[in-house]
């Protein structure tokens, strides 16, 4: 019993220390992209020993003969760009066009001066930015005349920190999910309906870009997004939503609209009609707390 007590005390000390570390870490700056920090990153990149490992030479796209029975394709079904809040906070400033060009085998030069290129182009890609913050990102990036609360919120993207990231995550973990109050200040009508409409321009942009980059028979660009309900204690039951063609739902339904996967499917089935077909693929169901297919 005494050994067990000592063990429990040790666990509490270590756990408390880790909790304090996480708290301190959460208040630290991630990547403040000032000219000075960008210059320092570029200097670190230039100092790398590129000869330390072998880099395969990029190859042209392999276009195999079509088979009526089996065809094998390679692609990526989960890509974030600068339209996702978490991606921006961790330093990603690549656009949708950048992501498509990279998927098609073109080189990508990062802000830090790192040249990246795949050895073979992909056959397909789904760019799946978070639907929950389509409206917020659009407001912060493109609109003026913001309320004071909205200005304070948007300033968090200019000074990224884990503290701001955790604040956003805690907002999403509320049960039931609540549209942020500063969004409601911008609307004179129903806040949830306003928030849904607020995200539509970004969804329209994503759909348009998918159609621009789609090359039938050579490269498939799916109109897609991520439905990202956040659960307490870091749980999640996210899903990536894909559409078969350019006929899609009018809206990218988020956790603010559909609280469960069955609700999401119901909304998509009501909105996705005619030639519109959709598919949802589970993403990160490792911490679902048994709620992945719950009705409540």
C-alpha atoms as a PDB file:
ATOM      1  CA  UNK A   1       0.000   0.000   0.000  1.00  0.00           C
ATOM      2  CA  UNK A   2       2.853   2.367   0.864  1.00  0.00           C
ATOM      3  CA  UNK A   3       4.498   1.746  -2.525  1.00  0.00           C
ATOM      4  CA  UNK A   4       1.170   2.383  -4.190  1.00  0.00           C
ATOM      5  CA  UNK A   5       0.753   5.646  -2.272  1.00  0.00           C
ATOM      6  CA  UNK A   6       4.244   6.793  -3.328  1.00  0.00           C
ATOM      7  CA  UNK A   7       3.407   5.899  -6.910  1.00  0.00           C
ATOM      8  CA  UNK A   8       0.194   7.925  -6.792  1.00  0.00           C
ATOM      9  CA  UNK A   9       2.041  10.908  -5.317  1.00  0.00           C
ATOM     10  CA  UNK A  10       4.642  10.661  -8.077  1.00  0.00           C
ATOM     11  CA  UNK A  11       1.939  10.524 -10.717  1.00  0.00           C
ATOM     12  CA  UNK A  12       0.244  13.590  -9.231  1.00  0.00           C
ATOM     13  CA  UNK A  13       3.521  15.514  -9.165  1.00  0.00           C
ATOM     14  CA  UNK A  14       4.393  14.599 -12.738  1.00  0.00           C
ATOM     15  CA  UNK A  15       0.827  15.233 -13.909  1.00  0.00           C
ATOM     16  CA  UNK A  16       0.708  18.573 -12.126  1.00  0.00           C
ATOM     17  CA  UNK A  17       4.042  19.532 -13.626  1.00  0.00           C
ATOM     18  CA  UNK A  18       2.823  18.577 -17.078  1.00  0.00           C
ATOM     19  CA  UNK A  19      -0.386  20.551 -16.563  1.00  0.00           C
ATOM     20  CA  UNK A  20       1.637  23.613 -15.518  1.00  0.00           C
ATOM     21  CA  UNK A  21       3.897  23.086 -18.555  1.00  0.00           C
ATOM     22  CA  UNK A  22       0.861  22.945 -20.853  1.00  0.00           C
ATOM     23  CA  UNK A  23      -0.519  26.111 -19.280  1.00  0.00           C
ATOM     24  CA  UNK A  24       2.766  27.934 -19.736  1.00  0.00           C
ATOM     25  CA  UNK A  25       3.102  26.570 -23.244  1.00  0.00           C
ATOM     26  CA  UNK A  26      -0.414  27.701 -24.074  1.00  0.00           C
ATOM     27  CA  UNK A  27       0.506  31.316 -23.370  1.00  0.00           C
ATOM     28  CA  UNK A  28       3.636  31.283 -25.527  1.00  0.00           C
ATOM     29  CA  UNK A  29       3.855  32.666 -29.044  1.00  0.00           C
ATOM     30  CA  UNK A  30       3.752  30.157 -31.877  1.00  0.00           C
ATOM     31  CA  UNK A  31       4.793  31.895 -35.065  1.00  0.00           C
ATOM     32  CA  UNK A  32       4.490  35.659 -35.160  1.00  0.00           C
ATOM     33  CA  UNK A  33       5.234  36.173 -38.848  1.00  0.00           C
ATOM     34  CA  UNK A  34       7.136  39.414 -38.615  1.00  0.00           C
ATOM     35  CA  UNK A  35       9.868  40.312 -41.141  1.00  0.00           C
ATOM     36  CA  UNK A  36      12.430  39.423 -38.460  1.00  0.00           C
ATOM     37  CA  UNK A  37      11.068  35.934 -37.744  1.00  0.00           C
ATOM     38  CA  UNK A  38      10.653  35.177 -41.453  1.00  0.00           C
ATOM     39  CA  UNK A  39      14.227  36.263 -42.105  1.00  0.00           C
ATOM     40  CA  UNK A  40      15.450  34.038 -39.250  1.00  0.00           C
ATOM     41  CA  UNK A  41      13.520  31.038 -40.635  1.00  0.00           C
ATOM     42  CA  UNK A  42      14.946  31.611 -44.095  1.00  0.00           C
ATOM     43  CA  UNK A  43      18.470  31.822 -42.659  1.00  0.00           C
ATOM     44  CA  UNK A  44      17.946  28.520 -40.818  1.00  0.00           C
ATOM     45  CA  UNK A  45      16.703  26.922 -44.036  1.00  0.00           C
ATOM     46  CA  UNK A  46      19.681  28.196 -46.004  1.00  0.00           C
ATOM     47  CA  UNK A  47      22.030  26.704 -43.393  1.00  0.00           C
ATOM     48  CA  UNK A  48      20.588  23.194 -43.782  1.00  0.00           C
ATOM     49  CA  UNK A  49      22.762  20.476 -45.253  1.00  0.00           C
ATOM     50  CA  UNK A  50      20.669  19.420 -48.238  1.00  0.00           C
ATOM     51  CA  UNK A  51      23.208  16.716 -49.092  1.00  0.00           C
ATOM     52  CA  UNK A  52      22.484  14.880 -45.827  1.00  0.00           C
ATOM     53  CA  UNK A  53      19.795  12.785 -47.476  1.00  0.00           C
ATOM     54  CA  UNK A  54      18.833  11.626 -50.946  1.00  0.00           C
ATOM     55  CA  UNK A  55      16.030  13.483 -52.689  1.00  0.00           C
ATOM     56  CA  UNK A  56      14.349  11.538 -55.501  1.00  0.00           C
ATOM     57  CA  UNK A  57      14.108  13.418 -58.767  1.00  0.00           C
ATOM     58  CA  UNK A  58      10.548  14.498 -59.682  1.00  0.00           C
ATOM     59  CA  UNK A  59       8.965  12.394 -62.402  1.00  0.00           C
ATOM     60  CA  UNK A  60       6.280  13.023 -64.960  1.00  0.00           C
ATOM     61  CA  UNK A  61       2.775  11.792 -64.281  1.00  0.00           C
ATOM     62  CA  UNK A  62       2.315   8.085 -64.958  1.00  0.00           C
ATOM     63  CA  UNK A  63      -0.828   7.550 -66.998  1.00  0.00           C
ATOM     64  CA  UNK A  64      -1.519   3.781 -66.993  1.00  0.00           C
ATOM     65  CA  UNK A  65      -3.822   2.106 -69.467  1.00  0.00           C
ATOM     66  CA  UNK A  66      -7.380   2.034 -68.192  1.00  0.00           C
ATOM     67  CA  UNK A  67      -8.748  -1.290 -66.973  1.00  0.00           C
ATOM     68  CA  UNK A  68     -12.422  -2.188 -66.930  1.00  0.00           C
ATOM     69  CA  UNK A  69     -11.935  -4.164 -63.712  1.00  0.00           C
ATOM     70  CA  UNK A  70      -9.343  -2.520 -61.459  1.00  0.00           C
ATOM     71  CA  UNK A  71      -7.609   0.853 -61.490  1.00  0.00           C
ATOM     72  CA  UNK A  72      -5.240   2.035 -58.762  1.00  0.00           C
ATOM     73  CA  UNK A  73      -5.034   5.751 -57.954  1.00  0.00           C
ATOM     74  CA  UNK A  74      -3.001   7.708 -55.404  1.00  0.00           C
ATOM     75  CA  UNK A  75      -4.132  10.900 -53.714  1.00  0.00           C
ATOM     76  CA  UNK A  76      -4.676  12.851 -50.494  1.00  0.00           C
ATOM     77  CA  UNK A  77      -8.104  13.247 -48.875  1.00  0.00           C
ATOM     78  CA  UNK A  78      -7.166  15.599 -46.040  1.00  0.00           C
ATOM     79  CA  UNK A  79      -5.428  18.880 -46.885  1.00  0.00           C
ATOM     80  CA  UNK A  80      -5.611  22.217 -45.047  1.00  0.00           C
ATOM     81  CA  UNK A  81      -4.763  25.634 -46.461  1.00  0.00           C
ATOM     82  CA  UNK A  82      -4.705  29.159 -45.063  1.00  0.00           C
ATOM     83  CA  UNK A  83      -8.521  28.990 -44.955  1.00  0.00           C
ATOM     84  CA  UNK A  84      -8.360  26.828 -41.794  1.00  0.00           C
ATOM     85  CA  UNK A  85      -7.871  28.636 -38.484  1.00  0.00           C
ATOM     86  CA  UNK A  86      -5.551  26.017 -36.961  1.00  0.00           C
ATOM     87  CA  UNK A  87      -3.456  25.832 -40.114  1.00  0.00           C
ATOM     88  CA  UNK A  88      -2.965  29.615 -40.070  1.00  0.00           C
ATOM     89  CA  UNK A  89      -2.058  29.665 -36.383  1.00  0.00           C
ATOM     90  CA  UNK A  90       0.681  27.103 -36.998  1.00  0.00           C
ATOM     91  CA  UNK A  91       2.176  29.118 -39.835  1.00  0.00           C
ATOM     92  CA  UNK A  92       0.518  27.886 -43.041  1.00  0.00           C
ATOM     93  CA  UNK A  93      -0.050  30.717 -45.514  1.00  0.00           C
ATOM     94  CA  UNK A  94      -0.516  28.565 -48.611  1.00  0.00           C
ATOM     95  CA  UNK A  95      -3.606  29.229 -50.718  1.00  0.00           C
ATOM     96  CA  UNK A  96      -5.994  26.776 -52.386  1.00  0.00           C
ATOM     97  CA  UNK A  97      -4.160  27.348 -55.669  1.00  0.00           C
ATOM     98  CA  UNK A  98      -0.841  26.564 -53.946  1.00  0.00           C
ATOM     99  CA  UNK A  99      -2.269  23.301 -52.587  1.00  0.00           C
ATOM    100  CA  UNK A 100      -3.602  22.198 -55.974  1.00  0.00           C
ATOM    101  CA  UNK A 101      -0.352  23.075 -57.742  1.00  0.00           C
ATOM    102  CA  UNK A 102       1.627  21.054 -55.178  1.00  0.00           C
ATOM    103  CA  UNK A 103      -0.731  18.076 -55.559  1.00  0.00           C
ATOM    104  CA  UNK A 104      -0.197  18.205 -59.321  1.00  0.00           C
ATOM    105  CA  UNK A 105       3.562  17.906 -58.855  1.00  0.00           C
ATOM    106  CA  UNK A 106       4.645  21.531 -59.033  1.00  0.00           C
ATOM    107  CA  UNK A 107       7.296  22.797 -56.578  1.00  0.00           C
ATOM    108  CA  UNK A 108       6.184  24.840 -53.574  1.00  0.00           C
ATOM    109  CA  UNK A 109       8.398  27.436 -51.932  1.00  0.00           C
ATOM    110  CA  UNK A 110       7.470  27.910 -48.288  1.00  0.00           C
ATOM    111  CA  UNK A 111       7.673  31.201 -46.448  1.00  0.00           C
ATOM    112  CA  UNK A 112      10.789  29.830 -44.728  1.00  0.00           C
ATOM    113  CA  UNK A 113      12.484  29.368 -48.100  1.00  0.00           C
ATOM    114  CA  UNK A 114      12.109  25.575 -48.189  1.00  0.00           C
ATOM    115  CA  UNK A 115      11.525  24.164 -51.670  1.00  0.00           C
ATOM    116  CA  UNK A 116       9.133  21.206 -51.534  1.00  0.00           C
ATOM    117  CA  UNK A 117       8.061  18.940 -54.359  1.00  0.00           C
ATOM    118  CA  UNK A 118       6.603  15.455 -54.589  1.00  0.00           C
ATOM    119  CA  UNK A 119       8.436  12.884 -56.660  1.00  0.00           C
ATOM    120  CA  UNK A 120       5.190  11.970 -58.436  1.00  0.00           C
ATOM    121  CA  UNK A 121       2.020  14.034 -58.977  1.00  0.00           C
ATOM    122  CA  UNK A 122      -1.152  12.844 -57.283  1.00  0.00           C
ATOM    123  CA  UNK A 123      -4.143  11.478 -59.158  1.00  0.00           C
ATOM    124  CA  UNK A 124      -6.668  13.203 -56.890  1.00  0.00           C
ATOM    125  CA  UNK A 125      -6.879  15.521 -53.911  1.00  0.00           C
ATOM    126  CA  UNK A 126      -9.532  16.746 -51.508  1.00  0.00           C
ATOM    127  CA  UNK A 127      -8.849  20.105 -49.841  1.00  0.00           C
ATOM    128  CA  UNK A 128     -10.772  19.837 -46.584  1.00  0.00           C
ATOM    129  CA  UNK A 129     -10.665  23.098 -44.658  1.00  0.00           C
ATOM    130  CA  UNK A 130     -12.764  23.449 -41.485  1.00  0.00           C
ATOM    131  CA  UNK A 131     -16.347  24.526 -42.223  1.00  0.00           C
ATOM    132  CA  UNK A 132     -16.783  25.809 -38.646  1.00  0.00           C
ATOM    133  CA  UNK A 133     -14.576  28.840 -39.301  1.00  0.00           C
ATOM    134  CA  UNK A 134     -15.342  29.618 -42.953  1.00  0.00           C
ATOM    135  CA  UNK A 135     -17.294  32.715 -41.965  1.00  0.00           C
ATOM    136  CA  UNK A 136     -14.845  33.787 -39.263  1.00  0.00           C
ATOM    137  CA  UNK A 137     -11.832  33.488 -41.566  1.00  0.00           C
ATOM    138  CA  UNK A 138     -13.622  35.354 -44.343  1.00  0.00           C
ATOM    139  CA  UNK A 139     -14.564  38.180 -41.978  1.00  0.00           C
ATOM    140  CA  UNK A 140     -11.062  38.492 -40.527  1.00  0.00           C
ATOM    141  CA  UNK A 141      -9.323  38.345 -43.903  1.00  0.00           C
ATOM    142  CA  UNK A 142     -11.625  40.325 -46.176  1.00  0.00           C
ATOM    143  CA  UNK A 143     -14.097  42.550 -44.356  1.00  0.00           C
ATOM    144  CA  UNK A 144     -13.927  45.958 -42.684  1.00  0.00           C
ATOM    145  CA  UNK A 145     -16.112  47.785 -40.205  1.00  0.00           C
ATOM    146  CA  UNK A 146     -15.812  45.054 -37.596  1.00  0.00           C
ATOM    147  CA  UNK A 147     -17.232  45.317 -34.089  1.00  0.00           C
ATOM    148  CA  UNK A 148     -14.688  45.782 -31.257  1.00  0.00           C
ATOM    149  CA  UNK A 149     -15.103  42.134 -30.171  1.00  0.00           C
ATOM    150  CA  UNK A 150     -14.566  40.968 -33.731  1.00  0.00           C
ATOM    151  CA  UNK A 151     -11.433  43.114 -34.034  1.00  0.00           C
ATOM    152  CA  UNK A 152     -10.053  41.587 -30.837  1.00  0.00           C
ATOM    153  CA  UNK A 153     -10.765  38.103 -32.137  1.00  0.00           C
ATOM    154  CA  UNK A 154      -9.175  38.695 -35.544  1.00  0.00           C
ATOM    155  CA  UNK A 155      -6.068  40.145 -33.889  1.00  0.00           C
ATOM    156  CA  UNK A 156      -5.348  36.650 -32.548  1.00  0.00           C
ATOM    157  CA  UNK A 157      -4.353  35.527 -36.054  1.00  0.00           C
ATOM    158  CA  UNK A 158      -1.703  38.266 -36.235  1.00  0.00           C
ATOM    159  CA  UNK A 159      -0.240  37.167 -32.891  1.00  0.00           C
ATOM    160  CA  UNK A 160      -0.732  33.378 -32.892  1.00  0.00           C
ATOM    161  CA  UNK A 161      -0.416  31.489 -29.634  1.00  0.00           C
ATOM    162  CA  UNK A 162      -1.466  28.174 -28.194  1.00  0.00           C
ATOM    163  CA  UNK A 163      -3.599  30.156 -25.785  1.00  0.00           C
ATOM    164  CA  UNK A 164      -5.635  31.546 -28.686  1.00  0.00           C
ATOM    165  CA  UNK A 165      -5.780  28.101 -30.288  1.00  0.00           C
ATOM    166  CA  UNK A 166      -7.099  26.551 -27.059  1.00  0.00           C
ATOM    167  CA  UNK A 167      -9.644  29.370 -26.715  1.00  0.00           C
ATOM    168  CA  UNK A 168     -11.004  28.561 -30.165  1.00  0.00           C
ATOM    169  CA  UNK A 169     -11.070  24.869 -29.331  1.00  0.00           C
ATOM    170  CA  UNK A 170     -12.947  25.463 -26.085  1.00  0.00           C
ATOM    171  CA  UNK A 171     -15.513  27.511 -27.991  1.00  0.00           C
ATOM    172  CA  UNK A 172     -16.098  24.531 -30.274  1.00  0.00           C
ATOM    173  CA  UNK A 173     -16.336  22.116 -27.329  1.00  0.00           C
ATOM    174  CA  UNK A 174     -19.376  23.849 -25.822  1.00  0.00           C
ATOM    175  CA  UNK A 175     -22.438  21.631 -25.565  1.00  0.00           C
ATOM    176  CA  UNK A 176     -24.597  22.363 -27.372  1.00  0.00           C
ATOM    177  CA  UNK A 177     -22.289  24.146 -29.855  1.00  0.00           C
ATOM    178  CA  UNK A 178     -22.914  27.878 -29.779  1.00  0.00           C
ATOM    179  CA  UNK A 179     -22.150  30.375 -32.506  1.00  0.00           C
ATOM    180  CA  UNK A 180     -19.647  32.867 -30.962  1.00  0.00           C
ATOM    181  CA  UNK A 181     -21.371  35.868 -29.434  1.00  0.00           C
ATOM    182  CA  UNK A 182     -19.320  38.349 -31.474  1.00  0.00           C
ATOM    183  CA  UNK A 183     -20.800  36.826 -34.632  1.00  0.00           C
ATOM    184  CA  UNK A 184     -24.276  37.365 -33.204  1.00  0.00           C
ATOM    185  CA  UNK A 185     -23.443  41.048 -32.690  1.00  0.00           C
ATOM    186  CA  UNK A 186     -23.024  41.372 -36.459  1.00  0.00           C
ATOM    187  CA  UNK A 187     -26.540  40.055 -37.151  1.00  0.00           C
ATOM    188  CA  UNK A 188     -29.922  41.623 -36.518  1.00  0.00           C
ATOM    189  CA  UNK A 189     -31.727  38.328 -37.189  1.00  0.00           C
ATOM    190  CA  UNK A 190     -31.297  34.650 -36.269  1.00  0.00           C
ATOM    191  CA  UNK A 191     -27.642  34.222 -35.360  1.00  0.00           C
ATOM    192  CA  UNK A 192     -27.244  30.605 -36.473  1.00  0.00           C
ATOM    193  CA  UNK A 193     -28.812  31.283 -39.879  1.00  0.00           C
ATOM    194  CA  UNK A 194     -26.605  34.340 -40.241  1.00  0.00           C
ATOM    195  CA  UNK A 195     -23.480  32.324 -39.388  1.00  0.00           C
ATOM    196  CA  UNK A 196     -24.410  29.683 -41.984  1.00  0.00           C
ATOM    197  CA  UNK A 197     -24.849  32.353 -44.657  1.00  0.00           C
ATOM    198  CA  UNK A 198     -21.616  34.038 -43.554  1.00  0.00           C
ATOM    199  CA  UNK A 199     -19.638  30.935 -44.526  1.00  0.00           C
ATOM    200  CA  UNK A 200     -21.192  30.629 -47.974  1.00  0.00           C
ATOM    201  CA  UNK A 201     -18.757  32.908 -49.913  1.00  0.00           C
ATOM    202  CA  UNK A 202     -15.794  30.802 -48.806  1.00  0.00           C
ATOM    203  CA  UNK A 203     -17.610  27.577 -49.694  1.00  0.00           C
ATOM    204  CA  UNK A 204     -18.408  29.084 -53.108  1.00  0.00           C
ATOM    205  CA  UNK A 205     -14.693  29.875 -53.533  1.00  0.00           C
ATOM    206  CA  UNK A 206     -13.713  26.310 -52.621  1.00  0.00           C
ATOM    207  CA  UNK A 207     -16.229  24.846 -55.073  1.00  0.00           C
ATOM    208  CA  UNK A 208     -15.078  27.185 -57.842  1.00  0.00           C
ATOM    209  CA  UNK A 209     -11.403  26.373 -57.298  1.00  0.00           C
ATOM    210  CA  UNK A 210     -12.105  22.626 -57.359  1.00  0.00           C
ATOM    211  CA  UNK A 211     -13.804  23.012 -60.734  1.00  0.00           C
ATOM    212  CA  UNK A 212     -10.940  25.166 -62.071  1.00  0.00           C
ATOM    213  CA  UNK A 213      -8.290  22.603 -61.136  1.00  0.00           C
ATOM    214  CA  UNK A 214     -10.248  19.480 -62.041  1.00  0.00           C
ATOM    215  CA  UNK A 215      -8.891  17.789 -65.167  1.00  0.00           C
ATOM    216  CA  UNK A 216     -11.079  14.798 -66.089  1.00  0.00           C
ATOM    217  CA  UNK A 217      -9.100  11.677 -66.843  1.00  0.00           C
ATOM    218  CA  UNK A 218      -5.874  13.156 -65.478  1.00  0.00           C
ATOM    219  CA  UNK A 219      -6.404  14.853 -62.116  1.00  0.00           C
ATOM    220  CA  UNK A 220      -9.488  14.884 -59.896  1.00  0.00           C
ATOM    221  CA  UNK A 221     -10.101  17.854 -57.598  1.00  0.00           C
ATOM    222  CA  UNK A 222     -12.939  17.118 -55.186  1.00  0.00           C
ATOM    223  CA  UNK A 223     -15.131  19.891 -53.837  1.00  0.00           C
ATOM    224  CA  UNK A 224     -14.795  19.076 -50.138  1.00  0.00           C
ATOM    225  CA  UNK A 225     -14.640  20.348 -46.577  1.00  0.00           C
ATOM    226  CA  UNK A 226     -14.159  19.098 -43.016  1.00  0.00           C
ATOM    227  CA  UNK A 227     -17.027  18.828 -40.530  1.00  0.00           C
ATOM    228  CA  UNK A 228     -15.219  19.214 -37.196  1.00  0.00           C
ATOM    229  CA  UNK A 229     -17.206  18.776 -33.974  1.00  0.00           C
ATOM    230  CA  UNK A 230     -14.926  19.223 -30.976  1.00  0.00           C
ATOM    231  CA  UNK A 231     -15.501  17.223 -27.797  1.00  0.00           C
ATOM    232  CA  UNK A 232     -14.324  17.875 -24.218  1.00  0.00           C
ATOM    233  CA  UNK A 233     -10.981  16.415 -23.100  1.00  0.00           C
ATOM    234  CA  UNK A 234      -9.535  16.707 -26.624  1.00  0.00           C
ATOM    235  CA  UNK A 235     -12.015  14.265 -28.158  1.00  0.00           C
ATOM    236  CA  UNK A 236     -13.281  14.624 -31.697  1.00  0.00           C
ATOM    237  CA  UNK A 237     -15.355  12.890 -34.321  1.00  0.00           C
ATOM    238  CA  UNK A 238     -14.500  14.823 -37.461  1.00  0.00           C
ATOM    239  CA  UNK A 239     -15.596  13.845 -40.960  1.00  0.00           C
ATOM    240  CA  UNK A 240     -14.430  14.910 -44.398  1.00  0.00           C
ATOM    241  CA  UNK A 241     -17.272  15.595 -46.817  1.00  0.00           C
ATOM    242  CA  UNK A 242     -16.716  15.009 -50.559  1.00  0.00           C
ATOM    243  CA  UNK A 243     -18.911  15.686 -53.571  1.00  0.00           C
ATOM    244  CA  UNK A 244     -18.761  13.605 -56.742  1.00  0.00           C
ATOM    245  CA  UNK A 245     -18.913  16.530 -59.150  1.00  0.00           C
ATOM    246  CA  UNK A 246     -19.568  20.260 -59.305  1.00  0.00           C
ATOM    247  CA  UNK A 247     -23.155  19.719 -58.144  1.00  0.00           C
ATOM    248  CA  UNK A 248     -22.871  20.223 -54.385  1.00  0.00           C
ATOM    249  CA  UNK A 249     -24.912  21.360 -51.413  1.00  0.00           C
ATOM    250  CA  UNK A 250     -25.480  25.112 -51.187  1.00  0.00           C
ATOM    251  CA  UNK A 251     -23.784  25.255 -47.802  1.00  0.00           C
ATOM    252  CA  UNK A 252     -20.887  23.603 -46.025  1.00  0.00           C
ATOM    253  CA  UNK A 253     -22.706  22.400 -42.923  1.00  0.00           C
ATOM    254  CA  UNK A 254     -20.613  22.623 -39.762  1.00  0.00           C
ATOM    255  CA  UNK A 255     -20.947  21.488 -36.157  1.00  0.00           C
ATOM    256  CA  UNK A 256     -22.942  24.673 -35.484  1.00  0.00           C
ATOM    257  CA  UNK A 257     -25.598  23.420 -37.904  1.00  0.00           C
ATOM    258  CA  UNK A 258     -25.461  19.641 -37.364  1.00  0.00           C
ATOM    259  CA  UNK A 259     -24.653  18.474 -33.844  1.00  0.00           C
ATOM    260  CA  UNK A 260     -24.293  14.808 -34.810  1.00  0.00           C
ATOM    261  CA  UNK A 261     -23.294  12.814 -37.891  1.00  0.00           C
ATOM    262  CA  UNK A 262     -26.905  11.682 -38.531  1.00  0.00           C
ATOM    263  CA  UNK A 263     -27.985  15.342 -38.520  1.00  0.00           C
ATOM    264  CA  UNK A 264     -25.170  16.155 -40.951  1.00  0.00           C
ATOM    265  CA  UNK A 265     -26.275  13.373 -43.309  1.00  0.00           C
ATOM    266  CA  UNK A 266     -29.885  14.524 -43.087  1.00  0.00           C
ATOM    267  CA  UNK A 267     -28.964  18.118 -43.981  1.00  0.00           C
ATOM    268  CA  UNK A 268     -26.797  16.986 -46.864  1.00  0.00           C
ATOM    269  CA  UNK A 269     -29.510  14.664 -48.205  1.00  0.00           C
ATOM    270  CA  UNK A 270     -32.047  17.490 -48.142  1.00  0.00           C
ATOM    271  CA  UNK A 271     -29.694  19.964 -49.848  1.00  0.00           C
ATOM    272  CA  UNK A 272     -27.781  17.619 -52.165  1.00  0.00           C
ATOM    273  CA  UNK A 273     -30.374  16.724 -54.820  1.00  0.00           C
ATOM    274  CA  UNK A 274     -30.455  15.858 -58.503  1.00  0.00           C
ATOM    275  CA  UNK A 275     -26.981  15.082 -59.842  1.00  0.00           C
ATOM    276  CA  UNK A 276     -25.450  15.942 -56.471  1.00  0.00           C
ATOM    277  CA  UNK A 277     -23.861  12.996 -54.649  1.00  0.00           C
ATOM    278  CA  UNK A 278     -21.809  13.134 -51.445  1.00  0.00           C
ATOM    279  CA  UNK A 279     -19.624  10.869 -49.348  1.00  0.00           C
ATOM    280  CA  UNK A 280     -18.453  11.429 -45.761  1.00  0.00           C
ATOM    281  CA  UNK A 281     -15.289   9.731 -44.493  1.00  0.00           C
ATOM    282  CA  UNK A 282     -14.490   9.551 -40.742  1.00  0.00           C
ATOM    283  CA  UNK A 283     -11.397  11.464 -39.677  1.00  0.00           C
ATOM    284  CA  UNK A 284      -9.852  11.173 -36.210  1.00  0.00           C
ATOM    285  CA  UNK A 285     -12.374   8.885 -34.548  1.00  0.00           C
ATOM    286  CA  UNK A 286      -9.796   7.704 -32.023  1.00  0.00           C
ATOM    287  CA  UNK A 287     -11.242   9.873 -29.227  1.00  0.00           C
ATOM    288  CA  UNK A 288     -14.968   9.834 -29.814  1.00  0.00           C
ATOM    289  CA  UNK A 289     -16.033   8.842 -26.286  1.00  0.00           C
ATOM    290  CA  UNK A 290     -18.573   6.492 -27.896  1.00  0.00           C
ATOM    291  CA  UNK A 291     -20.349   9.424 -29.589  1.00  0.00           C
ATOM    292  CA  UNK A 292     -19.261   8.887 -33.197  1.00  0.00           C
ATOM    293  CA  UNK A 293     -22.716   7.621 -34.162  1.00  0.00           C
ATOM    294  CA  UNK A 294     -24.712   8.927 -31.202  1.00  0.00           C
ATOM    295  CA  UNK A 295     -28.102  10.508 -31.783  1.00  0.00           C
ATOM    296  CA  UNK A 296     -27.660  13.059 -29.013  1.00  0.00           C
END
